[in-house]
Amino acid sequence: MANKIRHIALITIDAERLSKFYQEVFDMKLTFSQNGAFFLTDGYLSLALLPNKAEGKPNGLNHFGFHIDDQEEIAKRLADFGIAQPGKRPADRPYAETRATDPDGNNFDLSVHGFQAVEFVADREKTQEKKQKEEALV
């Protein structure tokens, strides 16, 4: 797999209203909702609609996300550009494992597992433990 943009996040005053809009106009499917945020998909790209909690912050693009093959390889490439190493995302957030910025300061998420399935850090750790146990039996 090549690295692909698979996720876009918008900030909005009314995430529920936008969720209904994208579902009804573009047939997107709701995959997850948490703390006023709505996560939709068209089967290819995930769209996060996040509540705008910062006074004076304009609505619009918050970040985008890449589905990648290898976190370490991307971190190396970022370092080659003088960009800080990707930071881990909070454990209570699904989808992306890390976040970084481009040279202009635009935020982007990086995910090895992708953006279609809701998966928290604990889920990823259980999956990794299971895989390691299976490999040990072989």
Protein backbone atom coordinates (compact mmCIF):
# COMPACT_ATOMS: atom_id res chain seq x y z
CA MET A 1 0.00 0.00 0.00
CA ALA A 2 1.20 3.50 -0.73
CA ASN A 3 0.64 6.31 1.75
CA LYS A 4 -2.79 7.86 1.10
CA ILE A 5 -4.91 10.70 2.46
CA ARG A 6 -7.93 8.95 3.97
CA HIS A 7 -9.21 11.41 6.57
CA ILE A 8 -10.34 15.04 6.82
CA ALA A 9 -11.50 16.83 9.98
CA LEU A 10 -13.60 19.98 10.03
CA ILE A 11 -14.35 22.20 13.01
CA THR A 12 -17.91 23.47 13.23
CA ILE A 13 -20.29 25.22 15.60
CA ASP A 14 -22.94 22.54 14.95
CA ALA A 15 -21.37 19.13 14.26
CA GLU A 16 -24.71 17.32 14.45
CA ARG A 17 -26.24 19.59 11.79
CA LEU A 18 -23.28 19.02 9.46
CA SER A 19 -23.43 15.28 10.13
CA LYS A 20 -27.05 15.19 9.00
CA PHE A 21 -26.17 17.31 5.96
CA TYR A 22 -23.39 14.98 4.75
CA GLN A 23 -25.47 11.88 5.47
CA GLU A 24 -28.57 13.13 3.66
CA VAL A 25 -26.93 14.95 0.74
CA PHE A 26 -23.96 12.65 0.05
CA ASP A 27 -25.15 9.33 1.56
CA MET A 28 -22.24 9.22 4.01
CA LYS A 29 -22.58 6.74 6.87
CA LEU A 30 -22.15 7.58 10.55
CA THR A 31 -19.45 5.30 12.01
CA PHE A 32 -18.93 6.80 15.45
CA SER A 33 -19.97 9.69 17.68
CA GLN A 34 -18.28 10.89 20.85
CA ASN A 35 -18.33 14.09 22.94
CA GLY A 36 -20.23 16.05 20.29
CA ALA A 37 -18.01 14.87 17.43
CA PHE A 38 -19.36 12.86 14.49
CA PHE A 39 -17.32 10.53 12.28
CA LEU A 40 -18.65 9.69 8.81
CA THR A 41 -17.41 7.66 5.88
CA ASP A 42 -18.14 7.23 2.22
CA GLY A 43 -16.33 3.86 2.34
CA TYR A 44 -13.07 5.41 1.18
CA LEU A 45 -12.51 8.62 3.15
CA SER A 46 -13.45 9.37 6.75
CA LEU A 47 -14.81 12.78 7.67
CA ALA A 48 -14.60 13.98 11.29
CA LEU A 49 -16.94 16.80 12.28
CA LEU A 50 -15.53 18.28 15.47
CA PRO A 51 -17.22 20.79 17.76
CA ASN A 52 -15.57 24.20 17.75
CA LYS A 53 -14.62 24.78 21.39
CA ALA A 54 -12.23 27.71 20.97
CA GLU A 55 -13.78 31.16 21.08
CA GLY A 56 -12.90 33.12 17.97
CA LYS A 57 -11.49 30.12 16.11
CA PRO A 58 -12.94 29.98 12.59
CA ASN A 59 -14.87 26.96 11.36
CA GLY A 60 -13.19 24.90 8.67
CA LEU A 61 -10.27 22.54 8.20
CA ASN A 62 -8.72 21.28 11.44
CA HIS A 63 -6.47 18.50 10.15
CA PHE A 64 -6.23 15.70 7.61
CA GLY A 65 -4.91 12.18 7.95
CA PHE A 66 -2.70 9.75 6.07
CA HIS A 67 -3.09 5.97 6.12
CA ILE A 68 0.55 4.87 6.11
CA ASP A 69 2.55 1.65 6.05
CA ASP A 70 5.31 2.48 8.51
CA GLN A 71 5.40 5.08 11.33
CA GLU A 72 9.20 4.90 11.63
CA GLU A 73 9.79 5.50 7.93
CA ILE A 74 7.51 8.55 7.91
CA ALA A 75 9.20 9.89 11.07
CA LYS A 76 12.58 9.57 9.32
CA ARG A 77 11.29 11.42 6.25
CA LEU A 78 9.87 14.20 8.45
CA ALA A 79 13.24 14.51 10.21
CA ASP A 80 14.91 14.87 6.82
CA PHE A 81 12.75 18.01 6.37
CA GLY A 82 13.63 19.30 9.84
CA ILE A 83 10.13 18.53 11.14
CA ALA A 84 9.63 17.41 14.75
CA GLN A 85 8.84 13.75 15.32
CA PRO A 86 5.14 12.85 15.28
CA GLY A 87 3.48 13.04 18.68
CA LYS A 88 1.29 10.28 20.08
CA ARG A 89 -2.44 10.96 20.01
CA PRO A 90 -4.40 10.76 23.28
CA ALA A 91 -5.50 7.24 24.23
CA ASP A 92 -9.19 8.24 24.20
CA ARG A 93 -9.11 9.15 20.51
CA PRO A 94 -9.84 6.53 17.84
CA TYR A 95 -8.16 6.23 14.48
CA ALA A 96 -4.74 7.91 14.31
CA GLU A 97 -1.78 6.84 16.38
CA THR A 98 0.32 10.00 15.88
CA ARG A 99 0.09 13.62 14.69
CA ALA A 100 2.65 15.87 13.02
CA THR A 101 2.75 19.15 11.10
CA ASP A 102 3.95 20.15 7.67
CA PRO A 103 6.47 23.01 7.18
CA ASP A 104 3.61 25.55 7.23
CA GLY A 105 2.21 24.22 10.53
CA ASN A 106 -0.78 22.32 9.13
CA ASN A 107 -1.70 19.39 11.37
CA PHE A 108 -1.97 15.89 9.96
CA ASP A 109 -2.64 12.52 11.57
CA LEU A 110 -0.74 9.33 10.78
CA SER A 111 -2.36 5.90 11.08
CA VAL A 112 -1.09 2.44 10.24
CA HIS A 113 -4.45 0.79 10.93
CA GLY A 114 -6.43 3.34 8.90
CA PHE A 115 -9.50 5.48 9.45
CA GLN A 116 -12.43 3.21 8.57
CA ALA A 117 -12.62 1.17 11.79
CA VAL A 118 -13.05 2.73 15.23
CA GLU A 119 -10.00 1.57 17.14
CA PHE A 120 -8.58 3.03 20.35
CA VAL A 121 -5.06 2.56 21.76
CA ALA A 122 -6.28 -0.26 24.04
CA ASP A 123 -7.77 -2.05 21.01
CA ARG A 124 -4.51 -1.72 19.08
CA GLU A 125 -2.52 -3.03 22.07
CA LYS A 126 -4.79 -6.09 22.39
CA THR A 127 -4.49 -6.78 18.67
CA GLN A 128 -0.69 -6.48 18.88
CA GLU A 129 -0.52 -8.82 21.91
CA LYS A 130 -2.68 -11.39 20.15
CA LYS A 131 -0.51 -11.21 17.03
CA GLN A 132 2.67 -11.65 19.08
CA LYS A 133 1.21 -14.71 20.86
CA GLU A 134 0.20 -16.24 17.53
CA GLU A 135 3.68 -15.64 16.07
CA ALA A 136 5.27 -17.24 19.16
CA LEU A 137 3.28 -20.44 18.52
CA VAL A 138 4.57 -20.76 14.99
